[in-house]
PDB file of N, CA and C in Angstrom:
ATOM      1  N   GLU A   1       0.824  -1.178   0.000  1.00  0.00           N
ATOM      2  CA  GLU A   1       0.000   0.000   0.000  1.00  0.00           C
ATOM      3  C   GLU A   1       0.884   1.263   0.000  1.00  0.00           C
ATOM      4  N   TYR A   2       1.919   1.238   0.826  1.00  0.00           N
ATOM      5  CA  TYR A   2       2.828   2.389   0.894  1.00  0.00           C
ATOM      6  C   TYR A   2       3.507   2.618  -0.462  1.00  0.00           C
ATOM      7  N   TYR A   3       3.913   1.529  -1.099  1.00  0.00           N
ATOM      8  CA  TYR A   3       4.545   1.639  -2.412  1.00  0.00           C
ATOM      9  C   TYR A   3       3.631   2.370  -3.390  1.00  0.00           C
ATOM     10  N   LEU A   4       2.387   2.027  -3.396  1.00  0.00           N
ATOM     11  CA  LEU A   4       1.446   2.679  -4.311  1.00  0.00           C
ATOM     12  C   LEU A   4       1.298   4.170  -4.000  1.00  0.00           C
ATOM     13  N   GLN A   5       1.463   4.526  -2.747  1.00  0.00           N
ATOM     14  CA  GLN A   5       1.366   5.931  -2.365  1.00  0.00           C
ATOM     15  C   GLN A   5       2.555   6.742  -2.857  1.00  0.00           C
ATOM     16  N   ILE A   6       3.729   6.148  -2.895  1.00  0.00           N
ATOM     17  CA  ILE A   6       4.939   6.896  -3.292  1.00  0.00           C
ATOM     18  C   ILE A   6       5.346   6.644  -4.739  1.00  0.00           C
ATOM     19  N   TYR A   7       4.652   5.758  -5.416  1.00  0.00           N
ATOM     20  CA  TYR A   7       5.028   5.389  -6.783  1.00  0.00           C
ATOM     21  C   TYR A   7       5.152   6.610  -7.693  1.00  0.00           C
ATOM     22  N   GLU A   8       4.185   7.439  -7.745  1.00  0.00           N
ATOM     23  CA  GLU A   8       4.202   8.608  -8.630  1.00  0.00           C
ATOM     24  C   GLU A   8       5.380   9.536  -8.345  1.00  0.00           C
ATOM     25  N   LYS A   9       5.701   9.696  -7.084  1.00  0.00           N
ATOM     26  CA  LYS A   9       6.783  10.599  -6.695  1.00  0.00           C
ATOM     27  C   LYS A   9       8.139  10.119  -7.223  1.00  0.00           C
ATOM     28  N   TYR A  10       8.357   8.796  -7.256  1.00  0.00           N
ATOM     29  CA  TYR A  10       9.668   8.259  -7.592  1.00  0.00           C
ATOM     30  C   TYR A  10       9.722   7.504  -8.916  1.00  0.00           C
ATOM     31  N   SER A  11       8.647   7.400  -9.636  1.00  0.00           N
ATOM     32  CA  SER A  11       8.623   6.564 -10.838  1.00  0.00           C
ATOM     33  C   SER A  11       9.589   7.046 -11.911  1.00  0.00           C
ATOM     34  N   LYS A  12       9.721   8.352 -12.101  1.00  0.00           N
ATOM     35  CA  LYS A  12      10.644   8.873 -13.121  1.00  0.00           C
ATOM     36  C   LYS A  12      12.096   8.625 -12.730  1.00  0.00           C
ATOM     37  N   THR A  13      12.420   8.839 -11.476  1.00  0.00           N
ATOM     38  CA  THR A  13      13.779   8.597 -10.993  1.00  0.00           C
ATOM     39  C   THR A  13      14.131   7.121 -11.113  1.00  0.00           C
ATOM     40  N   TYR A  14      13.204   6.260 -10.721  1.00  0.00           N
ATOM     41  CA  TYR A  14      13.417   4.823 -10.793  1.00  0.00           C
ATOM     42  C   TYR A  14      13.607   4.383 -12.236  1.00  0.00           C
ATOM     43  N   SER A  15      12.793   4.882 -13.117  1.00  0.00           N
ATOM     44  CA  SER A  15      12.889   4.535 -14.531  1.00  0.00           C
ATOM     45  C   SER A  15      14.224   4.986 -15.122  1.00  0.00           C
ATOM     46  N   ALA A  16      14.660   6.190 -14.782  1.00  0.00           N
ATOM     47  CA  ALA A  16      15.949   6.701 -15.268  1.00  0.00           C
ATOM     48  C   ALA A  16      17.103   5.853 -14.741  1.00  0.00           C
ATOM     49  N   ALA A  17      17.019   5.435 -13.485  1.00  0.00           N
ATOM     50  CA  ALA A  17      18.070   4.587 -12.906  1.00  0.00           C
ATOM     51  C   ALA A  17      18.128   3.237 -13.614  1.00  0.00           C
ATOM     52  N   CYS A  18      16.978   2.663 -13.913  1.00  0.00           N
ATOM     53  CA  CYS A  18      16.938   1.382 -14.637  1.00  0.00           C
ATOM     54  C   CYS A  18      17.537   1.522 -16.028  1.00  0.00           C
ATOM     55  N   ASP A  19      17.211   2.595 -16.716  1.00  0.00           N
ATOM     56  CA  ASP A  19      17.769   2.844 -18.048  1.00  0.00           C
ATOM     57  C   ASP A  19      19.284   3.000 -17.980  1.00  0.00           C
ATOM     58  N   SER A  20      19.758   3.715 -16.975  1.00  0.00           N
ATOM     59  CA  SER A  20      21.190   3.938 -16.799  1.00  0.00           C
ATOM     60  C   SER A  20      21.927   2.628 -16.559  1.00  0.00           C
ATOM     61  N   ILE A  21      21.367   1.781 -15.719  1.00  0.00           N
ATOM     62  CA  ILE A  21      21.990   0.477 -15.445  1.00  0.00           C
ATOM     63  C   ILE A  21      22.004  -0.376 -16.708  1.00  0.00           C
ATOM     64  N   ALA A  22      20.947  -0.357 -17.477  1.00  0.00           N
ATOM     65  CA  ALA A  22      20.874  -1.154 -18.708  1.00  0.00           C
ATOM     66  C   ALA A  22      21.938  -0.717 -19.709  1.00  0.00           C
ATOM     67  N   ILE A  23      22.130   0.576 -19.853  1.00  0.00           N
ATOM     68  CA  ILE A  23      23.145   1.092 -20.776  1.00  0.00           C
ATOM     69  C   ILE A  23      24.533   0.690 -20.301  1.00  0.00           C
ATOM     70  N   GLU A  24      24.809   0.868 -19.023  1.00  0.00           N
ATOM     71  CA  GLU A  24      26.123   0.516 -18.487  1.00  0.00           C
ATOM     72  C   GLU A  24      26.352  -0.989 -18.524  1.00  0.00           C
ATOM     73  N   ARG A  25      25.322  -1.783 -18.294  1.00  0.00           N
ATOM     74  CA  ARG A  25      25.447  -3.243 -18.360  1.00  0.00           C
ATOM     75  C   ARG A  25      25.895  -3.676 -19.750  1.00  0.00           C
ATOM     76  N   THR A  26      25.308  -3.095 -20.778  1.00  0.00           N
ATOM     77  CA  THR A  26      25.677  -3.439 -22.158  1.00  0.00           C
ATOM     78  C   THR A  26      27.150  -3.125 -22.415  1.00  0.00           C
ATOM     79  N   ARG A  27      27.589  -1.946 -22.003  1.00  0.00           N
ATOM     80  CA  ARG A  27      28.985  -1.550 -22.188  1.00  0.00           C
ATOM     81  C   ARG A  27      29.918  -2.437 -21.372  1.00  0.00           C
ATOM     82  N   PHE A  28      29.544  -2.698 -20.135  1.00  0.00           N
ATOM     83  CA  PHE A  28      30.344  -3.511 -19.224  1.00  0.00           C
ATOM     84  C   PHE A  28      30.544  -4.913 -19.783  1.00  0.00           C
ATOM     85  N   ILE A  29      29.480  -5.541 -20.239  1.00  0.00           N
ATOM     86  CA  ILE A  29      29.562  -6.891 -20.801  1.00  0.00           C
ATOM     87  C   ILE A  29      30.450  -6.893 -22.045  1.00  0.00           C
ATOM     88  N   LYS A  30      30.304  -5.888 -22.887  1.00  0.00           N
ATOM     89  CA  LYS A  30      31.127  -5.798 -24.093  1.00  0.00           C
ATOM     90  C   LYS A  30      32.616  -5.717 -23.734  1.00  0.00           C
ATOM     91  N   GLU A  31      32.956  -4.881 -22.757  1.00  0.00           N
ATOM     92  CA  GLU A  31      34.353  -4.729 -22.337  1.00  0.00           C
ATOM     93  C   GLU A  31      34.877  -5.999 -21.676  1.00  0.00           C
ATOM     94  N   LEU A  32      34.069  -6.625 -20.831  1.00  0.00           N
ATOM     95  CA  LEU A  32      34.495  -7.868 -20.187  1.00  0.00           C
ATOM     96  C   LEU A  32      34.734  -8.968 -21.210  1.00  0.00           C
ATOM     97  N   SER A  33      33.924  -8.989 -22.253  1.00  0.00           N
ATOM     98  CA  SER A  33      34.034 -10.023 -23.285  1.00  0.00           C
ATOM     99  C   SER A  33      35.359  -9.952 -24.037  1.00  0.00           C
ATOM    100  N   LEU A  34      36.036  -8.833 -23.971  1.00  0.00           N
ATOM    101  CA  LEU A  34      37.324  -8.669 -24.646  1.00  0.00           C
ATOM    102  C   LEU A  34      38.494  -9.221 -23.829  1.00  0.00           C
ATOM    103  N   ILE A  35      38.252  -9.594 -22.587  1.00  0.00           N
ATOM    104  CA  ILE A  35      39.313 -10.102 -21.721  1.00  0.00           C
ATOM    105  C   ILE A  35      39.529 -11.583 -22.003  1.00  0.00           C
ATOM    106  N   LYS A  36      40.765 -11.920 -22.348  1.00  0.00           N
ATOM    107  CA  LYS A  36      41.126 -13.301 -22.642  1.00  0.00           C
ATOM    108  C   LYS A  36      40.909 -14.168 -21.401  1.00  0.00           C
ATOM    109  N   ASN A  37      40.420 -15.378 -21.613  1.00  0.00           N
ATOM    110  CA  ASN A  37      40.172 -16.366 -20.562  1.00  0.00           C
ATOM    111  C   ASN A  37      39.009 -15.997 -19.632  1.00  0.00           C
ATOM    112  N   LEU A  38      38.125 -15.128 -20.095  1.00  0.00           N
ATOM    113  CA  LEU A  38      36.943 -14.765 -19.327  1.00  0.00           C
ATOM    114  C   LEU A  38      35.718 -14.885 -20.230  1.00  0.00           C
ATOM    115  N   HIS A  39      34.850 -15.821 -19.910  1.00  0.00           N
ATOM    116  CA  HIS A  39      33.612 -15.990 -20.677  1.00  0.00           C
ATOM    117  C   HIS A  39      32.473 -15.325 -19.902  1.00  0.00           C
ATOM    118  N   VAL A  40      31.807 -14.372 -20.528  1.00  0.00           N
ATOM    119  CA  VAL A  40      30.756 -13.600 -19.886  1.00  0.00           C
ATOM    120  C   VAL A  40      29.401 -14.098 -20.383  1.00  0.00           C
ATOM    121  N   TYR A  41      28.514 -14.409 -19.442  1.00  0.00           N
ATOM    122  CA  TYR A  41      27.174 -14.846 -19.806  1.00  0.00           C
ATOM    123  C   TYR A  41      26.248 -13.633 -19.902  1.00  0.00           C
ATOM    124  N   PRO A  42      25.366 -13.623 -20.889  1.00  0.00           N
ATOM    125  CA  PRO A  42      24.421 -12.506 -21.030  1.00  0.00           C
ATOM    126  C   PRO A  42      23.595 -12.338 -19.757  1.00  0.00           C
ATOM    127  N   SER A  43      23.202 -11.111 -19.477  1.00  0.00           N
ATOM    128  CA  SER A  43      22.464 -10.825 -18.245  1.00  0.00           C
ATOM    129  C   SER A  43      21.473  -9.696 -18.458  1.00  0.00           C
ATOM    130  N   GLN A  44      20.393  -9.756 -17.727  1.00  0.00           N
ATOM    131  CA  GLN A  44      19.424  -8.657 -17.666  1.00  0.00           C
ATOM    132  C   GLN A  44      19.337  -8.135 -16.232  1.00  0.00           C
ATOM    133  N   ALA A  45      20.241  -8.575 -15.389  1.00  0.00           N
ATOM    134  CA  ALA A  45      20.234  -8.202 -13.971  1.00  0.00           C
ATOM    135  C   ALA A  45      21.261  -7.099 -13.713  1.00  0.00           C
ATOM    136  N   ASN A  46      21.471  -6.805 -12.439  1.00  0.00           N
ATOM    137  CA  ASN A  46      22.474  -5.803 -12.075  1.00  0.00           C
ATOM    138  C   ASN A  46      23.805  -6.473 -11.725  1.00  0.00           C
ATOM    139  N   PHE A  47      24.016  -7.663 -12.276  1.00  0.00           N
ATOM    140  CA  PHE A  47      25.271  -8.386 -12.128  1.00  0.00           C
ATOM    141  C   PHE A  47      25.466  -9.276 -13.350  1.00  0.00           C
ATOM    142  N   VAL A  48      26.694  -9.755 -13.534  1.00  0.00           N
ATOM    143  CA  VAL A  48      26.974 -10.715 -14.598  1.00  0.00           C
ATOM    144  C   VAL A  48      27.722 -11.900 -14.001  1.00  0.00           C
ATOM    145  N   ILE A  49      27.516 -13.057 -14.596  1.00  0.00           N
ATOM    146  CA  ILE A  49      28.222 -14.273 -14.226  1.00  0.00           C
ATOM    147  C   ILE A  49      29.290 -14.503 -15.285  1.00  0.00           C
ATOM    148  N   CYS A  50      30.493 -14.843 -14.831  1.00  0.00           N
ATOM    149  CA  CYS A  50      31.594 -15.101 -15.746  1.00  0.00           C
ATOM    150  C   CYS A  50      32.244 -16.430 -15.399  1.00  0.00           C
ATOM    151  N   LYS A  51      32.722 -17.119 -16.430  1.00  0.00           N
ATOM    152  CA  LYS A  51      33.483 -18.350 -16.236  1.00  0.00           C
ATOM    153  C   LYS A  51      34.942 -18.065 -16.566  1.00  0.00           C
ATOM    154  N   LEU A  52      35.818 -18.489 -15.675  1.00  0.00           N
ATOM    155  CA  LEU A  52      37.255 -18.357 -15.898  1.00  0.00           C
ATOM    156  C   LEU A  52      37.708 -19.552 -16.720  1.00  0.00           C
ATOM    157  N   GLU A  53      38.340 -19.283 -17.852  1.00  0.00           N
ATOM    158  CA  GLU A  53      38.731 -20.364 -18.749  1.00  0.00           C
ATOM    159  C   GLU A  53      40.237 -20.623 -18.738  1.00  0.00           C
ATOM    160  N   GLY A  54      40.977 -19.842 -18.006  1.00  0.00           N
ATOM    161  CA  GLY A  54      42.423 -20.010 -17.945  1.00  0.00           C
ATOM    162  C   GLY A  54      42.852 -20.758 -16.702  1.00  0.00           C
ATOM    163  N   LYS A  55      44.005 -20.368 -16.172  1.00  0.00           N
ATOM    164  CA  LYS A  55      44.598 -21.047 -15.024  1.00  0.00           C
ATOM    165  C   LYS A  55      44.001 -20.621 -13.691  1.00  0.00           C
ATOM    166  N   ASN A  56      43.363 -19.465 -13.639  1.00  0.00           N
ATOM    167  CA  ASN A  56      42.808 -18.969 -12.377  1.00  0.00           C
ATOM    168  C   ASN A  56      41.681 -19.846 -11.860  1.00  0.00           C
ATOM    169  N   THR A  57      41.547 -19.853 -10.559  1.00  0.00           N
ATOM    170  CA  THR A  57      40.322 -20.344  -9.933  1.00  0.00           C
ATOM    171  C   THR A  57      39.580 -19.108  -9.441  1.00  0.00           C
ATOM    172  N   ALA A  58      38.304 -19.256  -9.207  1.00  0.00           N
ATOM    173  CA  ALA A  58      37.507 -18.131  -8.715  1.00  0.00           C
ATOM    174  C   ALA A  58      38.032 -17.658  -7.366  1.00  0.00           C
ATOM    175  N   HIS A  59      38.400 -18.597  -6.511  1.00  0.00           N
ATOM    176  CA  HIS A  59      38.900 -18.246  -5.190  1.00  0.00           C
ATOM    177  C   HIS A  59      40.213 -17.461  -5.291  1.00  0.00           C
ATOM    178  N   LYS A  60      41.124 -17.946  -6.100  1.00  0.00           N
ATOM    179  CA  LYS A  60      42.421 -17.273  -6.257  1.00  0.00           C
ATOM    180  C   LYS A  60      42.241 -15.865  -6.826  1.00  0.00           C
ATOM    181  N   LEU A  61      41.383 -15.720  -7.823  1.00  0.00           N
ATOM    182  CA  LEU A  61      41.136 -14.407  -8.415  1.00  0.00           C
ATOM    183  C   LEU A  61      40.497 -13.463  -7.401  1.00  0.00           C
ATOM    184  N   ALA A  62      39.517 -13.954  -6.651  1.00  0.00           N
ATOM    185  CA  ALA A  62      38.839 -13.117  -5.660  1.00  0.00           C
ATOM    186  C   ALA A  62      39.830 -12.625  -4.606  1.00  0.00           C
ATOM    187  N   ILE A  63      40.704 -13.492  -4.140  1.00  0.00           N
ATOM    188  CA  ILE A  63      41.714 -13.110  -3.140  1.00  0.00           C
ATOM    189  C   ILE A  63      42.693 -12.104  -3.733  1.00  0.00           C
ATOM    190  N   SER A  64      43.162 -12.351  -4.950  1.00  0.00           N
ATOM    191  CA  SER A  64      44.118 -11.445  -5.600  1.00  0.00           C
ATOM    192  C   SER A  64      43.537 -10.049  -5.771  1.00  0.00           C
ATOM    193  N   LEU A  65      42.298  -9.965  -6.246  1.00  0.00           N
ATOM    194  CA  LEU A  65      41.667  -8.660  -6.445  1.00  0.00           C
ATOM    195  C   LEU A  65      41.440  -7.931  -5.123  1.00  0.00           C
ATOM    196  N   LEU A  66      41.063  -8.680  -4.101  1.00  0.00           N
ATOM    197  CA  LEU A  66      40.819  -8.056  -2.802  1.00  0.00           C
ATOM    198  C   LEU A  66      42.123  -7.544  -2.188  1.00  0.00           C
ATOM    199  N   GLU A  67      43.157  -8.375  -2.202  1.00  0.00           N
ATOM    200  CA  GLU A  67      44.426  -7.999  -1.579  1.00  0.00           C
ATOM    201  C   GLU A  67      45.169  -6.915  -2.354  1.00  0.00           C
ATOM    202  N   SER A  68      45.154  -6.994  -3.662  1.00  0.00           N
ATOM    203  CA  SER A  68      45.945  -6.074  -4.480  1.00  0.00           C
ATOM    204  C   SER A  68      45.221  -4.786  -4.847  1.00  0.00           C
ATOM    205  N   CYS A  69      43.895  -4.864  -5.025  1.00  0.00           N
ATOM    206  CA  CYS A  69      43.151  -3.718  -5.561  1.00  0.00           C
ATOM    207  C   CYS A  69      42.007  -3.263  -4.666  1.00  0.00           C
ATOM    208  N   ASN A  70      41.782  -3.973  -3.575  1.00  0.00           N
ATOM    209  CA  ASN A  70      40.662  -3.661  -2.693  1.00  0.00           C
ATOM    210  C   ASN A  70      39.319  -3.773  -3.423  1.00  0.00           C
ATOM    211  N   ILE A  71      39.237  -4.755  -4.315  1.00  0.00           N
ATOM    212  CA  ILE A  71      38.023  -5.014  -5.090  1.00  0.00           C
ATOM    213  C   ILE A  71      37.450  -6.353  -4.638  1.00  0.00           C
ATOM    214  N   PHE A  72      36.175  -6.351  -4.283  1.00  0.00           N
ATOM    215  CA  PHE A  72      35.498  -7.571  -3.839  1.00  0.00           C
ATOM    216  C   PHE A  72      34.603  -8.091  -4.945  1.00  0.00           C
ATOM    217  N   ILE A  73      34.828  -9.337  -5.347  1.00  0.00           N
ATOM    218  CA  ILE A  73      33.952 -10.018  -6.297  1.00  0.00           C
ATOM    219  C   ILE A  73      33.405 -11.267  -5.621  1.00  0.00           C
ATOM    220  N   LYS A  74      32.341 -11.792  -6.146  1.00  0.00           N
ATOM    221  CA  LYS A  74      31.724 -12.989  -5.564  1.00  0.00           C
ATOM    222  C   LYS A  74      32.299 -14.236  -6.207  1.00  0.00           C
ATOM    223  N   ASP A  75      32.938 -15.059  -5.404  1.00  0.00           N
ATOM    224  CA  ASP A  75      33.435 -16.368  -5.806  1.00  0.00           C
ATOM    225  C   ASP A  75      32.263 -17.340  -5.693  1.00  0.00           C
ATOM    226  N   LEU A  76      31.885 -17.977  -6.786  1.00  0.00           N
ATOM    227  CA  LEU A  76      30.724 -18.866  -6.781  1.00  0.00           C
ATOM    228  C   LEU A  76      31.085 -20.320  -6.510  1.00  0.00           C
ATOM    229  N   THR A  77      32.324 -20.574  -6.099  1.00  0.00           N
ATOM    230  CA  THR A  77      32.737 -21.926  -5.745  1.00  0.00           C
ATOM    231  C   THR A  77      31.828 -22.452  -4.639  1.00  0.00           C
ATOM    232  N   GLY A  78      31.361 -23.651  -4.826  1.00  0.00           N
ATOM    233  CA  GLY A  78      30.494 -24.257  -3.818  1.00  0.00           C
ATOM    234  C   GLY A  78      29.019 -24.017  -4.049  1.00  0.00           C
ATOM    235  N   LYS A  79      28.674 -23.111  -4.930  1.00  0.00           N
ATOM    236  CA  LYS A  79      27.266 -22.884  -5.248  1.00  0.00           C
ATOM    237  C   LYS A  79      26.807 -23.950  -6.243  1.00  0.00           C
ATOM    238  N   LYS A  80      25.597 -24.385  -6.094  1.00  0.00           N
ATOM    239  CA  LYS A  80      25.036 -25.402  -6.970  1.00  0.00           C
ATOM    240  C   LYS A  80      25.098 -24.933  -8.426  1.00  0.00           C
ATOM    241  N   CYS A  81      25.495 -25.800  -9.318  1.00  0.00           N
ATOM    242  CA  CYS A  81      25.575 -25.568 -10.774  1.00  0.00           C
ATOM    243  C   CYS A  81      26.829 -24.802 -11.206  1.00  0.00           C
ATOM    244  N   PHE A  82      27.676 -24.377 -10.288  1.00  0.00           N
ATOM    245  CA  PHE A  82      28.898 -23.651 -10.648  1.00  0.00           C
ATOM    246  C   PHE A  82      30.095 -24.497 -10.232  1.00  0.00           C
ATOM    247  N   ASP A  83      30.347 -25.536 -11.028  1.00  0.00           N
ATOM    248  CA  ASP A  83      31.368 -26.512 -10.672  1.00  0.00           C
ATOM    249  C   ASP A  83      32.789 -26.047 -10.984  1.00  0.00           C
ATOM    250  N   ASN A  84      33.725 -26.746 -10.466  1.00  0.00           N
ATOM    251  CA  ASN A  84      35.153 -26.586 -10.745  1.00  0.00           C
ATOM    252  C   ASN A  84      35.773 -25.290 -10.245  1.00  0.00           C
ATOM    253  N   GLY A  85      35.082 -24.510  -9.465  1.00  0.00           N
ATOM    254  CA  GLY A  85      35.686 -23.296  -8.924  1.00  0.00           C
ATOM    255  C   GLY A  85      36.091 -22.291  -9.974  1.00  0.00           C
ATOM    256  N   LYS A  86      35.338 -22.207 -11.053  1.00  0.00           N
ATOM    257  CA  LYS A  86      35.707 -21.348 -12.174  1.00  0.00           C
ATOM    258  C   LYS A  86      34.712 -20.216 -12.440  1.00  0.00           C
ATOM    259  N   TYR A  87      33.744 -20.000 -11.565  1.00  0.00           N
ATOM    260  CA  TYR A  87      32.706 -19.002 -11.826  1.00  0.00           C
ATOM    261  C   TYR A  87      32.749 -17.862 -10.811  1.00  0.00           C
ATOM    262  N   ILE A  88      32.537 -16.650 -11.326  1.00  0.00           N
ATOM    263  CA  ILE A  88      32.488 -15.453 -10.483  1.00  0.00           C
ATOM    264  C   ILE A  88      31.249 -14.636 -10.842  1.00  0.00           C
ATOM    265  N   ARG A  89      30.833 -13.812  -9.907  1.00  0.00           N
ATOM    266  CA  ARG A  89      29.727 -12.884 -10.151  1.00  0.00           C
ATOM    267  C   ARG A  89      30.252 -11.469  -9.941  1.00  0.00           C
ATOM    268  N   LEU A  90      29.980 -10.600 -10.911  1.00  0.00           N
ATOM    269  CA  LEU A  90      30.451  -9.218 -10.866  1.00  0.00           C
ATOM    270  C   LEU A  90      29.253  -8.282 -10.845  1.00  0.00           C
ATOM    271  N   ALA A  91      29.227  -7.402  -9.870  1.00  0.00           N
ATOM    272  CA  ALA A  91      28.158  -6.414  -9.782  1.00  0.00           C
ATOM    273  C   ALA A  91      28.363  -5.338 -10.832  1.00  0.00           C
ATOM    274  N   ILE A  92      27.276  -4.855 -11.388  1.00  0.00           N
ATOM    275  CA  ILE A  92      27.334  -3.734 -12.330  1.00  0.00           C
ATOM    276  C   ILE A  92      27.153  -2.462 -11.522  1.00  0.00           C
ATOM    277  N   ARG A  93      28.159  -1.613 -11.594  1.00  0.00           N
ATOM    278  CA  ARG A  93      28.133  -0.357 -10.863  1.00  0.00           C
ATOM    279  C   ARG A  93      28.163   0.782 -11.875  1.00  0.00           C
ATOM    280  N   ASP A  94      28.709   1.915 -11.517  1.00  0.00           N
ATOM    281  CA  ASP A  94      28.787   3.012 -12.486  1.00  0.00           C
ATOM    282  C   ASP A  94      30.010   2.818 -13.387  1.00  0.00           C
ATOM    283  N   GLU A  95      30.095   3.623 -14.425  1.00  0.00           N
ATOM    284  CA  GLU A  95      31.156   3.467 -15.423  1.00  0.00           C
ATOM    285  C   GLU A  95      32.547   3.564 -14.807  1.00  0.00           C
ATOM    286  N   HIS A  96      32.753   4.491 -13.913  1.00  0.00           N
ATOM    287  CA  HIS A  96      34.062   4.667 -13.274  1.00  0.00           C
ATOM    288  C   HIS A  96      34.483   3.410 -12.510  1.00  0.00           C
ATOM    289  N   ASP A  97      33.605   2.911 -11.641  1.00  0.00           N
ATOM    290  CA  ASP A  97      33.915   1.713 -10.859  1.00  0.00           C
ATOM    291  C   ASP A  97      34.088   0.495 -11.762  1.00  0.00           C
ATOM    292  N   ASN A  98      33.256   0.375 -12.774  1.00  0.00           N
ATOM    293  CA  ASN A  98      33.362  -0.758 -13.690  1.00  0.00           C
ATOM    294  C   ASN A  98      34.676  -0.728 -14.461  1.00  0.00           C
ATOM    295  N   ASN A  99      35.143   0.461 -14.832  1.00  0.00           N
ATOM    296  CA  ASN A  99      36.425   0.566 -15.534  1.00  0.00           C
ATOM    297  C   ASN A  99      37.587   0.130 -14.645  1.00  0.00           C
ATOM    298  N   ILE A 100      37.505   0.466 -13.368  1.00  0.00           N
ATOM    299  CA  ILE A 100      38.545   0.026 -12.424  1.00  0.00           C
ATOM    300  C   ILE A 100      38.564  -1.498 -12.359  1.00  0.00           C
ATOM    301  N   LEU A 101      37.391  -2.116 -12.274  1.00  0.00           N
ATOM    302  CA  LEU A 101      37.305  -3.577 -12.235  1.00  0.00           C
ATOM    303  C   LEU A 101      37.810  -4.199 -13.527  1.00  0.00           C
ATOM    304  N   ILE A 102      37.420  -3.658 -14.655  1.00  0.00           N
ATOM    305  CA  ILE A 102      37.857  -4.190 -15.947  1.00  0.00           C
ATOM    306  C   ILE A 102      39.382  -4.158 -16.045  1.00  0.00           C
ATOM    307  N   ASN A 103      39.988  -3.044 -15.681  1.00  0.00           N
ATOM    308  CA  ASN A 103      41.455  -2.943 -15.744  1.00  0.00           C
ATOM    309  C   ASN A 103      42.135  -3.910 -14.796  1.00  0.00           C
ATOM    310  N   ALA A 104      41.563  -4.113 -13.618  1.00  0.00           N
ATOM    311  CA  ALA A 104      42.131  -5.081 -12.667  1.00  0.00           C
ATOM    312  C   ALA A 104      42.008  -6.498 -13.218  1.00  0.00           C
ATOM    313  N   LEU A 105      40.870  -6.823 -13.798  1.00  0.00           N
ATOM    314  CA  LEU A 105      40.685  -8.160 -14.354  1.00  0.00           C
ATOM    315  C   LEU A 105      41.676  -8.428 -15.501  1.00  0.00           C
ATOM    316  N   LYS A 106      41.953  -7.418 -16.281  1.00  0.00           N
ATOM    317  CA  LYS A 106      42.928  -7.572 -17.374  1.00  0.00           C
ATOM    318  C   LYS A 106      44.303  -7.975 -16.838  1.00  0.00           C
ATOM    319  N   LYS A 107      44.633  -7.530 -15.636  1.00  0.00           N
ATOM    320  CA  LYS A 107      45.928  -7.853 -15.029  1.00  0.00           C
ATOM    321  C   LYS A 107      45.937  -9.237 -14.387  1.00  0.00           C
ATOM    322  N   PHE A 108      44.803  -9.644 -13.806  1.00  0.00           N
ATOM    323  CA  PHE A 108      44.806 -10.841 -12.980  1.00  0.00           C
ATOM    324  C   PHE A 108      44.199 -12.086 -13.613  1.00  0.00           C
ATOM    325  N   VAL A 109      43.402 -11.946 -14.660  1.00  0.00           N
ATOM    326  CA  VAL A 109      42.834 -13.125 -15.311  1.00  0.00           C
ATOM    327  C   VAL A 109      43.883 -13.703 -16.252  1.00  0.00           C
ATOM    328  N   ILE A 110      44.318 -14.930 -15.929  1.00  0.00           N
ATOM    329  CA  ILE A 110      45.353 -15.585 -16.761  1.00  0.00           C
ATOM    330  C   ILE A 110      44.881 -16.951 -17.212  1.00  0.00           C
TER     331      ILE A 110
END
């Protein structure tokens, strides 16, 4: 009931935010797809799932990014359907933050 009361007040802002995320998601996925040994799955959410195809494990990459760059990514090791410790989840943020992540991944994905 409360949502219906405030819907009109925030609907334009919410719609603009959704459009902004969709545009950045498209760019983010395109840039991630250029990284060797990283397979990016299509997404309509505010995150993307990636499979590591090189020597890295999800755990090793997550630790390296956290320790070296202060970047936290989700290691999907142990989650149902994400076998072999090769899957990660990356949040879609703004262009600046996403560029920092993309550049870090270029250094650490082997």
